[in-house]
Amino acid sequence: MLDYRRSCECCGRELAAGDHRVYICSFECTWCASCVATFPGGGCPNCGGSLQLRPARAFSRRMHAPTVQPHSDTRRLVRSA
């Protein structure tokens, strides 16, 4: 199951599970669309992988999903240029 992180790892913006403008890489680094637009080459600044839109979780499934602590609330993973 995907780890639906609740905030952008760059700017800290809150990201809802149903948000259709959230990007992830294969390591589930999580980014808002505004930050992705600033990444050179459009790749993940952490691992260099391609970014894809995160699938939106159906509302009925969100009601029963386990509570997950967001990783990005406690650390920033973006490498400095």
C-alpha atoms as a PDB file:
ATOM      1  CA  MET A   1       0.000   0.000   0.000  1.00  0.00           C
ATOM      2  CA  LEU A   2       1.277   3.461  -0.850  1.00  0.00           C
ATOM      3  CA  ASP A   3       2.358   5.684   2.002  1.00  0.00           C
ATOM      4  CA  TYR A   4       0.079   8.705   1.493  1.00  0.00           C
ATOM      5  CA  ARG A   5       2.251  11.385   3.036  1.00  0.00           C
ATOM      6  CA  ARG A   6       0.281  14.407   4.119  1.00  0.00           C
ATOM      7  CA  SER A   7       2.630  17.208   3.114  1.00  0.00           C
ATOM      8  CA  CYS A   8       4.996  18.269   0.339  1.00  0.00           C
ATOM      9  CA  GLU A   9       8.610  17.392   1.136  1.00  0.00           C
ATOM     10  CA  CYS A  10       9.786  20.707  -0.293  1.00  0.00           C
ATOM     11  CA  CYS A  11       7.383  23.418   0.926  1.00  0.00           C
ATOM     12  CA  GLY A  12       5.405  21.578   3.617  1.00  0.00           C
ATOM     13  CA  ARG A  13       2.008  22.281   2.004  1.00  0.00           C
ATOM     14  CA  GLU A  14      -0.790  20.018   3.267  1.00  0.00           C
ATOM     15  CA  LEU A  15      -1.750  17.355   0.698  1.00  0.00           C
ATOM     16  CA  ALA A  16      -5.097  15.608   0.972  1.00  0.00           C
ATOM     17  CA  ALA A  17      -5.368  11.916   0.119  1.00  0.00           C
ATOM     18  CA  GLY A  18      -7.808  12.819  -2.665  1.00  0.00           C
ATOM     19  CA  ASP A  19      -5.633  15.595  -4.135  1.00  0.00           C
ATOM     20  CA  HIS A  20      -5.140  14.931  -7.859  1.00  0.00           C
ATOM     21  CA  ARG A  21      -2.095  17.218  -8.180  1.00  0.00           C
ATOM     22  CA  VAL A  22       0.400  15.362  -5.986  1.00  0.00           C
ATOM     23  CA  TYR A  23       3.524  13.738  -7.453  1.00  0.00           C
ATOM     24  CA  ILE A  24       5.545  10.786  -6.163  1.00  0.00           C
ATOM     25  CA  CYS A  25       8.632   8.862  -7.291  1.00  0.00           C
ATOM     26  CA  SER A  26       9.263   5.126  -6.905  1.00  0.00           C
ATOM     27  CA  PHE A  27      10.526   5.748  -3.348  1.00  0.00           C
ATOM     28  CA  GLU A  28       7.288   7.625  -2.564  1.00  0.00           C
ATOM     29  CA  CYS A  29       8.984  10.987  -2.157  1.00  0.00           C
ATOM     30  CA  THR A  30       5.968  13.301  -2.188  1.00  0.00           C
ATOM     31  CA  TRP A  31       5.705  16.718  -3.869  1.00  0.00           C
ATOM     32  CA  CYS A  32       3.014  19.281  -4.657  1.00  0.00           C
ATOM     33  CA  ALA A  33       2.551  20.353  -8.286  1.00  0.00           C
ATOM     34  CA  SER A  34       3.885  23.861  -7.580  1.00  0.00           C
ATOM     35  CA  CYS A  35       7.227  22.519  -6.343  1.00  0.00           C
ATOM     36  CA  VAL A  36       7.523  19.925  -9.130  1.00  0.00           C
ATOM     37  CA  ALA A  37       7.233  22.770 -11.655  1.00  0.00           C
ATOM     38  CA  THR A  38      10.475  24.219 -10.230  1.00  0.00           C
ATOM     39  CA  PHE A  39      12.532  20.994 -10.330  1.00  0.00           C
ATOM     40  CA  PRO A  40      15.143  20.995 -13.122  1.00  0.00           C
ATOM     41  CA  GLY A  41      14.261  18.267 -15.597  1.00  0.00           C
ATOM     42  CA  GLY A  42      11.067  17.429 -13.688  1.00  0.00           C
ATOM     43  CA  GLY A  43      12.769  14.582 -11.814  1.00  0.00           C
ATOM     44  CA  CYS A  44      12.829  13.772  -8.119  1.00  0.00           C
ATOM     45  CA  PRO A  45      15.482  15.919  -6.407  1.00  0.00           C
ATOM     46  CA  ASN A  46      16.104  13.168  -3.831  1.00  0.00           C
ATOM     47  CA  CYS A  47      16.712  10.125  -6.024  1.00  0.00           C
ATOM     48  CA  GLY A  48      16.694  11.464  -9.597  1.00  0.00           C
ATOM     49  CA  GLY A  49      13.789   9.189 -10.554  1.00  0.00           C
ATOM     50  CA  SER A  50      10.795  10.153 -12.635  1.00  0.00           C
ATOM     51  CA  LEU A  51       7.795  11.712 -10.961  1.00  0.00           C
ATOM     52  CA  GLN A  52       4.281  10.464 -11.551  1.00  0.00           C
ATOM     53  CA  LEU A  53       0.925  11.716 -10.362  1.00  0.00           C
ATOM     54  CA  ARG A  54       0.028   9.967  -7.117  1.00  0.00           C
ATOM     55  CA  PRO A  55      -3.176   7.953  -7.501  1.00  0.00           C
ATOM     56  CA  ALA A  56      -6.030   9.510  -5.543  1.00  0.00           C
ATOM     57  CA  ARG A  57      -7.431   7.215  -2.891  1.00  0.00           C
ATOM     58  CA  ALA A  58     -11.195   6.675  -3.097  1.00  0.00           C
ATOM     59  CA  PHE A  59     -13.088   8.478  -0.328  1.00  0.00           C
ATOM     60  CA  SER A  60     -14.691   5.234   0.893  1.00  0.00           C
ATOM     61  CA  ARG A  61     -11.209   3.697   1.294  1.00  0.00           C
ATOM     62  CA  ARG A  62      -9.820   6.755   3.094  1.00  0.00           C
ATOM     63  CA  MET A  63     -12.381   6.301   5.849  1.00  0.00           C
ATOM     64  CA  HIS A  64     -10.924   2.864   6.727  1.00  0.00           C
ATOM     65  CA  ALA A  65      -7.243   3.480   6.056  1.00  0.00           C
ATOM     66  CA  PRO A  66      -4.827   3.178   8.985  1.00  0.00           C
ATOM     67  CA  THR A  67      -3.469   6.426  10.369  1.00  0.00           C
ATOM     68  CA  VAL A  68       0.041   7.038   9.079  1.00  0.00           C
ATOM     69  CA  GLN A  69       2.531   9.518  10.484  1.00  0.00           C
ATOM     70  CA  PRO A  70       3.699  11.781   7.644  1.00  0.00           C
ATOM     71  CA  HIS A  71       7.443  11.599   7.064  1.00  0.00           C
ATOM     72  CA  SER A  72       7.728  15.058   5.616  1.00  0.00           C
ATOM     73  CA  ASP A  73       6.343  16.797   8.683  1.00  0.00           C
ATOM     74  CA  THR A  74       9.598  16.155  10.553  1.00  0.00           C
ATOM     75  CA  ARG A  75      12.288  16.372   7.874  1.00  0.00           C
ATOM     76  CA  ARG A  76      13.063  17.947   4.543  1.00  0.00           C
ATOM     77  CA  LEU A  77      14.541  15.641   1.964  1.00  0.00           C
ATOM     78  CA  VAL A  78      15.415  18.085  -0.820  1.00  0.00           C
ATOM     79  CA  ARG A  79      19.111  18.323  -1.593  1.00  0.00           C
ATOM     80  CA  SER A  80      20.505  21.825  -1.718  1.00  0.00           C
ATOM     81  CA  ALA A  81      21.783  22.928  -5.109  1.00  0.00           C
END
